[in-house]
Amino acid sequence: MFLHLGGEIIVPKEDVIAIIDLESSTQAATTKEFLSTVRDEGFVKRIAEEGKEKSFVVTTDYIYLSPISSMTLMKRGNNIKTMLKAWEEAQK
């Protein structure tokens, strides 16, 4: 299954490591340092316009700055699990 992160970016759900709220997490110095380091090393992919980022999604390949809230992304991910489980039950 796949997860739409915003814009034209869709990633395999199994590649998602973490979905993190940008506003609350960047209050911590360690998170700021992490984002600065991965940006300098070229791992950050910006989906959102500058200043419109709401979350960052850590995947096996990149860190995406998304315009979609972390709660919405997590709900999307959970809906995929729910739909898959319902489909598996229907196949029995």
PDB file of N, CA and C in Angstrom:
ATOM      1  N   MET A   1       0.838  -1.179   0.000  1.00  0.00           N
ATOM      2  CA  MET A   1       0.000   0.000   0.000  1.00  0.00           C
ATOM      3  C   MET A   1       0.889   1.251   0.000  1.00  0.00           C
ATOM      4  N   PHE A   2       0.280   2.348  -0.358  1.00  0.00           N
ATOM      5  CA  PHE A   2       1.012   3.602  -0.498  1.00  0.00           C
ATOM      6  C   PHE A   2       0.391   4.698   0.359  1.00  0.00           C
ATOM      7  N   LEU A   3       1.199   5.708   0.657  1.00  0.00           N
ATOM      8  CA  LEU A   3       0.737   6.847   1.442  1.00  0.00           C
ATOM      9  C   LEU A   3       1.045   8.126   0.668  1.00  0.00           C
ATOM     10  N   HIS A   4       0.005   8.937   0.429  1.00  0.00           N
ATOM     11  CA  HIS A   4       0.165  10.216  -0.267  1.00  0.00           C
ATOM     12  C   HIS A   4       0.605  11.260   0.748  1.00  0.00           C
ATOM     13  N   LEU A   5       1.784  11.869   0.511  1.00  0.00           N
ATOM     14  CA  LEU A   5       2.359  12.824   1.461  1.00  0.00           C
ATOM     15  C   LEU A   5       2.044  14.274   1.115  1.00  0.00           C
ATOM     16  N   GLY A   6       1.479  14.496  -0.058  1.00  0.00           N
ATOM     17  CA  GLY A   6       1.190  15.844  -0.525  1.00  0.00           C
ATOM     18  C   GLY A   6       1.821  16.060  -1.880  1.00  0.00           C
ATOM     19  N   GLY A   7       1.327  17.061  -2.610  1.00  0.00           N
ATOM     20  CA  GLY A   7       1.849  17.306  -3.949  1.00  0.00           C
ATOM     21  C   GLY A   7       1.697  16.059  -4.800  1.00  0.00           C
ATOM     22  N   GLU A   8       2.764  15.672  -5.442  1.00  0.00           N
ATOM     23  CA  GLU A   8       2.752  14.469  -6.277  1.00  0.00           C
ATOM     24  C   GLU A   8       3.557  13.340  -5.645  1.00  0.00           C
ATOM     25  N   ILE A   9       3.785  13.419  -4.348  1.00  0.00           N
ATOM     26  CA  ILE A   9       4.642  12.442  -3.663  1.00  0.00           C
ATOM     27  C   ILE A   9       3.812  11.348  -2.998  1.00  0.00           C
ATOM     28  N   ILE A  10       4.078  10.127  -3.420  1.00  0.00           N
ATOM     29  CA  ILE A  10       3.454   8.935  -2.845  1.00  0.00           C
ATOM     30  C   ILE A  10       4.586   7.969  -2.512  1.00  0.00           C
ATOM     31  N   VAL A  11       4.569   7.447  -1.292  1.00  0.00           N
ATOM     32  CA  VAL A  11       5.628   6.513  -0.887  1.00  0.00           C
ATOM     33  C   VAL A  11       4.996   5.201  -0.435  1.00  0.00           C
ATOM     34  N   PRO A  12       5.732   4.100  -0.588  1.00  0.00           N
ATOM     35  CA  PRO A  12       5.246   2.837  -0.047  1.00  0.00           C
ATOM     36  C   PRO A  12       5.108   2.940   1.472  1.00  0.00           C
ATOM     37  N   LYS A  13       3.978   2.502   1.990  1.00  0.00           N
ATOM     38  CA  LYS A  13       3.715   2.625   3.428  1.00  0.00           C
ATOM     39  C   LYS A  13       4.777   1.908   4.264  1.00  0.00           C
ATOM     40  N   GLU A  14       5.298   0.811   3.765  1.00  0.00           N
ATOM     41  CA  GLU A  14       6.302   0.068   4.532  1.00  0.00           C
ATOM     42  C   GLU A  14       7.633   0.819   4.624  1.00  0.00           C
ATOM     43  N   ASP A  15       7.831   1.855   3.796  1.00  0.00           N
ATOM     44  CA  ASP A  15       9.049   2.669   3.871  1.00  0.00           C
ATOM     45  C   ASP A  15       8.958   3.786   4.906  1.00  0.00           C
ATOM     46  N   VAL A  16       7.763   4.036   5.436  1.00  0.00           N
ATOM     47  CA  VAL A  16       7.577   5.122   6.403  1.00  0.00           C
ATOM     48  C   VAL A  16       8.068   4.674   7.777  1.00  0.00           C
ATOM     49  N   ILE A  17       8.998   5.450   8.322  1.00  0.00           N
ATOM     50  CA  ILE A  17       9.548   5.158   9.646  1.00  0.00           C
ATOM     51  C   ILE A  17       8.834   5.981  10.712  1.00  0.00           C
ATOM     52  N   ALA A  18       8.588   7.265  10.414  1.00  0.00           N
ATOM     53  CA  ALA A  18       7.938   8.149  11.386  1.00  0.00           C
ATOM     54  C   ALA A  18       7.227   9.288  10.673  1.00  0.00           C
ATOM     55  N   ILE A  19       6.112   9.727  11.284  1.00  0.00           N
ATOM     56  CA  ILE A  19       5.381  10.909  10.847  1.00  0.00           C
ATOM     57  C   ILE A  19       5.340  11.834  12.057  1.00  0.00           C
ATOM     58  N   ILE A  20       5.937  13.023  11.918  1.00  0.00           N
ATOM     59  CA  ILE A  20       6.154  13.883  13.077  1.00  0.00           C
ATOM     60  C   ILE A  20       5.616  15.285  12.826  1.00  0.00           C
ATOM     61  N   ASP A  21       4.921  15.826  13.824  1.00  0.00           N
ATOM     62  CA  ASP A  21       4.408  17.189  13.757  1.00  0.00           C
ATOM     63  C   ASP A  21       5.585  18.158  13.798  1.00  0.00           C
ATOM     64  N   LEU A  22       5.674  19.002  12.795  1.00  0.00           N
ATOM     65  CA  LEU A  22       6.828  19.890  12.681  1.00  0.00           C
ATOM     66  C   LEU A  22       6.840  20.978  13.747  1.00  0.00           C
ATOM     67  N   GLU A  23       5.699  21.576  14.017  1.00  0.00           N
ATOM     68  CA  GLU A  23       5.648  22.699  14.964  1.00  0.00           C
ATOM     69  C   GLU A  23       6.055  22.284  16.374  1.00  0.00           C
ATOM     70  N   SER A  24       5.463  21.216  16.877  1.00  0.00           N
ATOM     71  CA  SER A  24       5.762  20.825  18.261  1.00  0.00           C
ATOM     72  C   SER A  24       7.136  20.181  18.397  1.00  0.00           C
ATOM     73  N   SER A  25       7.590  19.483  17.366  1.00  0.00           N
ATOM     74  CA  SER A  25       8.867  18.776  17.492  1.00  0.00           C
ATOM     75  C   SER A  25      10.074  19.691  17.333  1.00  0.00           C
ATOM     76  N   THR A  26       9.937  20.778  16.588  1.00  0.00           N
ATOM     77  CA  THR A  26      11.095  21.639  16.363  1.00  0.00           C
ATOM     78  C   THR A  26      11.388  22.558  17.547  1.00  0.00           C
ATOM     79  N   GLN A  27      10.634  22.430  18.605  1.00  0.00           N
ATOM     80  CA  GLN A  27      10.953  23.160  19.830  1.00  0.00           C
ATOM     81  C   GLN A  27      12.155  22.537  20.529  1.00  0.00           C
ATOM     82  N   ALA A  28      12.405  21.274  20.247  1.00  0.00           N
ATOM     83  CA  ALA A  28      13.541  20.579  20.859  1.00  0.00           C
ATOM     84  C   ALA A  28      14.807  20.830  20.042  1.00  0.00           C
ATOM     85  N   ALA A  29      15.879  21.113  20.723  1.00  0.00           N
ATOM     86  CA  ALA A  29      17.153  21.395  20.057  1.00  0.00           C
ATOM     87  C   ALA A  29      17.644  20.200  19.245  1.00  0.00           C
ATOM     88  N   THR A  30      17.421  18.990  19.750  1.00  0.00           N
ATOM     89  CA  THR A  30      17.891  17.797  19.042  1.00  0.00           C
ATOM     90  C   THR A  30      17.167  17.625  17.703  1.00  0.00           C
ATOM     91  N   THR A  31      15.880  17.945  17.666  1.00  0.00           N
ATOM     92  CA  THR A  31      15.133  17.834  16.416  1.00  0.00           C
ATOM     93  C   THR A  31      15.609  18.879  15.416  1.00  0.00           C
ATOM     94  N   LYS A  32      15.830  20.092  15.884  1.00  0.00           N
ATOM     95  CA  LYS A  32      16.364  21.145  15.006  1.00  0.00           C
ATOM     96  C   LYS A  32      17.707  20.721  14.431  1.00  0.00           C
ATOM     97  N   GLU A  33      18.558  20.162  15.290  1.00  0.00           N
ATOM     98  CA  GLU A  33      19.875  19.709  14.842  1.00  0.00           C
ATOM     99  C   GLU A  33      19.748  18.579  13.821  1.00  0.00           C
ATOM    100  N   PHE A  34      18.844  17.627  14.083  1.00  0.00           N
ATOM    101  CA  PHE A  34      18.616  16.516  13.159  1.00  0.00           C
ATOM    102  C   PHE A  34      18.190  17.034  11.788  1.00  0.00           C
ATOM    103  N   LEU A  35      17.182  17.931  11.763  1.00  0.00           N
ATOM    104  CA  LEU A  35      16.688  18.453  10.494  1.00  0.00           C
ATOM    105  C   LEU A  35      17.762  19.258   9.763  1.00  0.00           C
ATOM    106  N   SER A  36      18.549  19.995  10.497  1.00  0.00           N
ATOM    107  CA  SER A  36      19.631  20.765   9.891  1.00  0.00           C
ATOM    108  C   SER A  36      20.667  19.831   9.253  1.00  0.00           C
ATOM    109  N   THR A  37      21.010  18.775   9.962  1.00  0.00           N
ATOM    110  CA  THR A  37      22.009  17.824   9.472  1.00  0.00           C
ATOM    111  C   THR A  37      21.520  17.101   8.220  1.00  0.00           C
ATOM    112  N   VAL A  38      20.300  16.582   8.259  1.00  0.00           N
ATOM    113  CA  VAL A  38      19.803  15.841   7.085  1.00  0.00           C
ATOM    114  C   VAL A  38      19.575  16.776   5.899  1.00  0.00           C
ATOM    115  N   ARG A  39      19.234  18.032   6.161  1.00  0.00           N
ATOM    116  CA  ARG A  39      19.097  19.019   5.076  1.00  0.00           C
ATOM    117  C   ARG A  39      20.462  19.257   4.430  1.00  0.00           C
ATOM    118  N   ASP A  40      21.496  19.456   5.261  1.00  0.00           N
ATOM    119  CA  ASP A  40      22.856  19.691   4.746  1.00  0.00           C
ATOM    120  C   ASP A  40      23.378  18.498   3.955  1.00  0.00           C
ATOM    121  N   GLU A  41      22.971  17.297   4.339  1.00  0.00           N
ATOM    122  CA  GLU A  41      23.440  16.084   3.663  1.00  0.00           C
ATOM    123  C   GLU A  41      22.584  15.696   2.460  1.00  0.00           C
ATOM    124  N   GLY A  42      21.535  16.478   2.178  1.00  0.00           N
ATOM    125  CA  GLY A  42      20.737  16.252   0.973  1.00  0.00           C
ATOM    126  C   GLY A  42      19.613  15.241   1.095  1.00  0.00           C
ATOM    127  N   PHE A  43      19.218  14.919   2.311  1.00  0.00           N
ATOM    128  CA  PHE A  43      18.160  13.929   2.506  1.00  0.00           C
ATOM    129  C   PHE A  43      16.754  14.527   2.568  1.00  0.00           C
ATOM    130  N   VAL A  44      16.645  15.853   2.642  1.00  0.00           N
ATOM    131  CA  VAL A  44      15.334  16.490   2.794  1.00  0.00           C
ATOM    132  C   VAL A  44      14.745  16.798   1.424  1.00  0.00           C
ATOM    133  N   LYS A  45      13.497  16.364   1.232  1.00  0.00           N
ATOM    134  CA  LYS A  45      12.724  16.676   0.036  1.00  0.00           C
ATOM    135  C   LYS A  45      11.553  17.547   0.470  1.00  0.00           C
ATOM    136  N   ARG A  46      11.478  18.736  -0.098  1.00  0.00           N
ATOM    137  CA  ARG A  46      10.413  19.670   0.261  1.00  0.00           C
ATOM    138  C   ARG A  46       9.215  19.449  -0.649  1.00  0.00           C
ATOM    139  N   ILE A  47       8.055  19.144  -0.042  1.00  0.00           N
ATOM    140  CA  ILE A  47       6.797  19.030  -0.772  1.00  0.00           C
ATOM    141  C   ILE A  47       6.033  20.335  -0.625  1.00  0.00           C
ATOM    142  N   ALA A  48       6.101  20.903   0.578  1.00  0.00           N
ATOM    143  CA  ALA A  48       5.356  22.122   0.911  1.00  0.00           C
ATOM    144  C   ALA A  48       6.133  23.368   0.503  1.00  0.00           C
ATOM    145  N   GLU A  49       5.395  24.427   0.245  1.00  0.00           N
ATOM    146  CA  GLU A  49       6.028  25.723   0.015  1.00  0.00           C
ATOM    147  C   GLU A  49       6.694  26.168   1.307  1.00  0.00           C
ATOM    148  N   GLU A  50       7.715  26.990   1.162  1.00  0.00           N
ATOM    149  CA  GLU A  50       8.414  27.537   2.332  1.00  0.00           C
ATOM    150  C   GLU A  50       7.417  28.183   3.289  1.00  0.00           C
ATOM    151  N   GLY A  51       7.456  27.782   4.565  1.00  0.00           N
ATOM    152  CA  GLY A  51       6.575  28.338   5.579  1.00  0.00           C
ATOM    153  C   GLY A  51       5.231  27.632   5.706  1.00  0.00           C
ATOM    154  N   LYS A  52       4.942  26.687   4.818  1.00  0.00           N
ATOM    155  CA  LYS A  52       3.657  25.972   4.864  1.00  0.00           C
ATOM    156  C   LYS A  52       3.818  24.512   5.291  1.00  0.00           C
ATOM    157  N   GLU A  53       4.983  24.166   5.784  1.00  0.00           N
ATOM    158  CA  GLU A  53       5.234  22.799   6.231  1.00  0.00           C
ATOM    159  C   GLU A  53       4.475  22.531   7.531  1.00  0.00           C
ATOM    160  N   LYS A  54       3.844  21.378   7.614  1.00  0.00           N
ATOM    161  CA  LYS A  54       3.117  21.012   8.836  1.00  0.00           C
ATOM    162  C   LYS A  54       3.705  19.777   9.505  1.00  0.00           C
ATOM    163  N   SER A  55       4.356  18.937   8.722  1.00  0.00           N
ATOM    164  CA  SER A  55       4.909  17.718   9.292  1.00  0.00           C
ATOM    165  C   SER A  55       6.154  17.315   8.522  1.00  0.00           C
ATOM    166  N   PHE A  56       6.931  16.420   9.138  1.00  0.00           N
ATOM    167  CA  PHE A  56       7.996  15.796   8.363  1.00  0.00           C
ATOM    168  C   PHE A  56       7.842  14.290   8.494  1.00  0.00           C
ATOM    169  N   VAL A  57       8.098  13.631   7.381  1.00  0.00           N
ATOM    170  CA  VAL A  57       7.918  12.191   7.288  1.00  0.00           C
ATOM    171  C   VAL A  57       9.282  11.577   7.023  1.00  0.00           C
ATOM    172  N   VAL A  58       9.711  10.721   7.934  1.00  0.00           N
ATOM    173  CA  VAL A  58      10.992  10.039   7.797  1.00  0.00           C
ATOM    174  C   VAL A  58      10.730   8.713   7.101  1.00  0.00           C
ATOM    175  N   THR A  59      11.396   8.512   5.961  1.00  0.00           N
ATOM    176  CA  THR A  59      11.276   7.243   5.242  1.00  0.00           C
ATOM    177  C   THR A  59      12.655   6.599   5.155  1.00  0.00           C
ATOM    178  N   THR A  60      12.714   5.441   4.575  1.00  0.00           N
ATOM    179  CA  THR A  60      13.994   4.742   4.446  1.00  0.00           C
ATOM    180  C   THR A  60      14.968   5.480   3.537  1.00  0.00           C
ATOM    181  N   ASP A  61      14.447   6.360   2.649  1.00  0.00           N
ATOM    182  CA  ASP A  61      15.320   7.068   1.709  1.00  0.00           C
ATOM    183  C   ASP A  61      15.482   8.557   1.995  1.00  0.00           C
ATOM    184  N   TYR A  62      14.399   9.229   2.358  1.00  0.00           N
ATOM    185  CA  TYR A  62      14.404  10.682   2.510  1.00  0.00           C
ATOM    186  C   TYR A  62      13.578  11.125   3.708  1.00  0.00           C
ATOM    187  N   ILE A  63      13.703  12.414   4.018  1.00  0.00           N
ATOM    188  CA  ILE A  63      12.820  13.079   4.978  1.00  0.00           C
ATOM    189  C   ILE A  63      12.030  14.094   4.157  1.00  0.00           C
ATOM    190  N   TYR A  64      10.714  13.954   4.162  1.00  0.00           N
ATOM    191  CA  TYR A  64       9.841  14.826   3.383  1.00  0.00           C
ATOM    192  C   TYR A  64       9.212  15.873   4.283  1.00  0.00           C
ATOM    193  N   LEU A  65       9.262  17.145   3.857  1.00  0.00           N
ATOM    194  CA  LEU A  65       8.555  18.216   4.544  1.00  0.00           C
ATOM    195  C   LEU A  65       7.206  18.348   3.860  1.00  0.00           C
ATOM    196  N   SER A  66       6.147  17.999   4.565  1.00  0.00           N
ATOM    197  CA  SER A  66       4.810  17.902   3.979  1.00  0.00           C
ATOM    198  C   SER A  66       3.896  19.043   4.420  1.00  0.00           C
ATOM    199  N   PRO A  67       3.001  19.469   3.512  1.00  0.00           N
ATOM    200  CA  PRO A  67       2.009  20.483   3.870  1.00  0.00           C
ATOM    201  C   PRO A  67       0.802  19.879   4.583  1.00  0.00           C
ATOM    202  N   ILE A  68       0.814  18.569   4.756  1.00  0.00           N
ATOM    203  CA  ILE A  68      -0.308  17.864   5.376  1.00  0.00           C
ATOM    204  C   ILE A  68       0.033  17.581   6.835  1.00  0.00           C
ATOM    205  N   SER A  69      -0.937  17.789   7.718  1.00  0.00           N
ATOM    206  CA  SER A  69      -0.684  17.595   9.147  1.00  0.00           C
ATOM    207  C   SER A  69      -0.341  16.142   9.455  1.00  0.00           C
ATOM    208  N   SER A  70       0.426  15.957  10.520  1.00  0.00           N
ATOM    209  CA  SER A  70       0.817  14.608  10.932  1.00  0.00           C
ATOM    210  C   SER A  70      -0.404  13.762  11.273  1.00  0.00           C
ATOM    211  N   MET A  71      -1.415  14.375  11.885  1.00  0.00           N
ATOM    212  CA  MET A  71      -2.632  13.625  12.235  1.00  0.00           C
ATOM    213  C   MET A  71      -3.344  13.115  10.984  1.00  0.00           C
ATOM    214  N   THR A  72      -3.453  13.948   9.963  1.00  0.00           N
ATOM    215  CA  THR A  72      -4.106  13.533   8.716  1.00  0.00           C
ATOM    216  C   THR A  72      -3.312  12.409   8.059  1.00  0.00           C
ATOM    217  N   LEU A  73      -1.997  12.527   8.020  1.00  0.00           N
ATOM    218  CA  LEU A  73      -1.175  11.473   7.427  1.00  0.00           C
ATOM    219  C   LEU A  73      -1.313  10.162   8.196  1.00  0.00           C
ATOM    220  N   MET A  74      -1.347  10.244   9.531  1.00  0.00           N
ATOM    221  CA  MET A  74      -1.500   9.025  10.323  1.00  0.00           C
ATOM    222  C   MET A  74      -2.871   8.392  10.099  1.00  0.00           C
ATOM    223  N   LYS A  75      -3.906   9.223   9.977  1.00  0.00           N
ATOM    224  CA  LYS A  75      -5.241   8.694   9.693  1.00  0.00           C
ATOM    225  C   LYS A  75      -5.269   7.996   8.348  1.00  0.00           C
ATOM    226  N   ARG A  76      -4.636   8.593   7.353  1.00  0.00           N
ATOM    227  CA  ARG A  76      -4.562   7.969   6.031  1.00  0.00           C
ATOM    228  C   ARG A  76      -3.883   6.613   6.126  1.00  0.00           C
ATOM    229  N   GLY A  77      -2.799   6.550   6.855  1.00  0.00           N
ATOM    230  CA  GLY A  77      -2.084   5.290   7.022  1.00  0.00           C
ATOM    231  C   GLY A  77      -2.918   4.238   7.730  1.00  0.00           C
ATOM    232  N   ASN A  78      -3.645   4.650   8.752  1.00  0.00           N
ATOM    233  CA  ASN A  78      -4.502   3.707   9.474  1.00  0.00           C
ATOM    234  C   ASN A  78      -5.683   3.272   8.630  1.00  0.00           C
ATOM    235  N   ASN A  79      -6.211   4.142   7.785  1.00  0.00           N
ATOM    236  CA  ASN A  79      -7.310   3.768   6.898  1.00  0.00           C
ATOM    237  C   ASN A  79      -6.874   2.683   5.930  1.00  0.00           C
ATOM    238  N   ILE A  80      -5.637   2.740   5.493  1.00  0.00           N
ATOM    239  CA  ILE A  80      -5.117   1.714   4.599  1.00  0.00           C
ATOM    240  C   ILE A  80      -5.127   0.370   5.313  1.00  0.00           C
ATOM    241  N   LYS A  81      -4.682   0.338   6.577  1.00  0.00           N
ATOM    242  CA  LYS A  81      -4.694  -0.907   7.353  1.00  0.00           C
ATOM    243  C   LYS A  81      -6.116  -1.428   7.507  1.00  0.00           C
ATOM    244  N   THR A  82      -7.056  -0.528   7.821  1.00  0.00           N
ATOM    245  CA  THR A  82      -8.451  -0.919   8.016  1.00  0.00           C
ATOM    246  C   THR A  82      -9.036  -1.487   6.733  1.00  0.00           C
ATOM    247  N   MET A  83      -8.788  -0.827   5.599  1.00  0.00           N
ATOM    248  CA  MET A  83      -9.308  -1.308   4.320  1.00  0.00           C
ATOM    249  C   MET A  83      -8.711  -2.663   3.966  1.00  0.00           C
ATOM    250  N   LEU A  84      -7.407  -2.832   4.192  1.00  0.00           N
ATOM    251  CA  LEU A  84      -6.751  -4.099   3.887  1.00  0.00           C
ATOM    252  C   LEU A  84      -7.310  -5.218   4.754  1.00  0.00           C
ATOM    253  N   LYS A  85      -7.522  -4.938   6.032  1.00  0.00           N
ATOM    254  CA  LYS A  85      -8.061  -5.946   6.939  1.00  0.00           C
ATOM    255  C   LYS A  85      -9.476  -6.358   6.506  1.00  0.00           C
ATOM    256  N   ALA A  86     -10.303  -5.373   6.112  1.00  0.00           N
ATOM    257  CA  ALA A  86     -11.666  -5.667   5.655  1.00  0.00           C
ATOM    258  C   ALA A  86     -11.632  -6.504   4.385  1.00  0.00           C
ATOM    259  N   TRP A  87     -10.716  -6.178   3.478  1.00  0.00           N
ATOM    260  CA  TRP A  87     -10.601  -6.940   2.231  1.00  0.00           C
ATOM    261  C   TRP A  87     -10.169  -8.382   2.524  1.00  0.00           C
ATOM    262  N   GLU A  88      -9.213  -8.556   3.436  1.00  0.00           N
ATOM    263  CA  GLU A  88      -8.751  -9.893   3.799  1.00  0.00           C
ATOM    264  C   GLU A  88      -9.885 -10.713   4.418  1.00  0.00           C
ATOM    265  N   GLU A  89     -10.679 -10.079   5.260  1.00  0.00           N
ATOM    266  CA  GLU A  89     -11.836 -10.767   5.875  1.00  0.00           C
ATOM    267  C   GLU A  89     -12.857 -11.170   4.803  1.00  0.00           C
ATOM    268  N   ALA A  90     -13.076 -10.311   3.829  1.00  0.00           N
ATOM    269  CA  ALA A  90     -14.043 -10.596   2.765  1.00  0.00           C
ATOM    270  C   ALA A  90     -13.590 -11.747   1.887  1.00  0.00           C
ATOM    271  N   GLN A  91     -12.281 -11.991   1.820  1.00  0.00           N
ATOM    272  CA  GLN A  91     -11.743 -13.055   0.992  1.00  0.00           C
ATOM    273  C   GLN A  91     -11.898 -14.436   1.631  1.00  0.00           C
ATOM    274  N   LYS A  92     -12.214 -14.474   2.906  1.00  0.00           N
ATOM    275  CA  LYS A  92     -12.334 -15.762   3.627  1.00  0.00           C
ATOM    276  C   LYS A  92     -13.624 -16.444   3.294  1.00  0.00           C
TER     277      LYS A  92
END
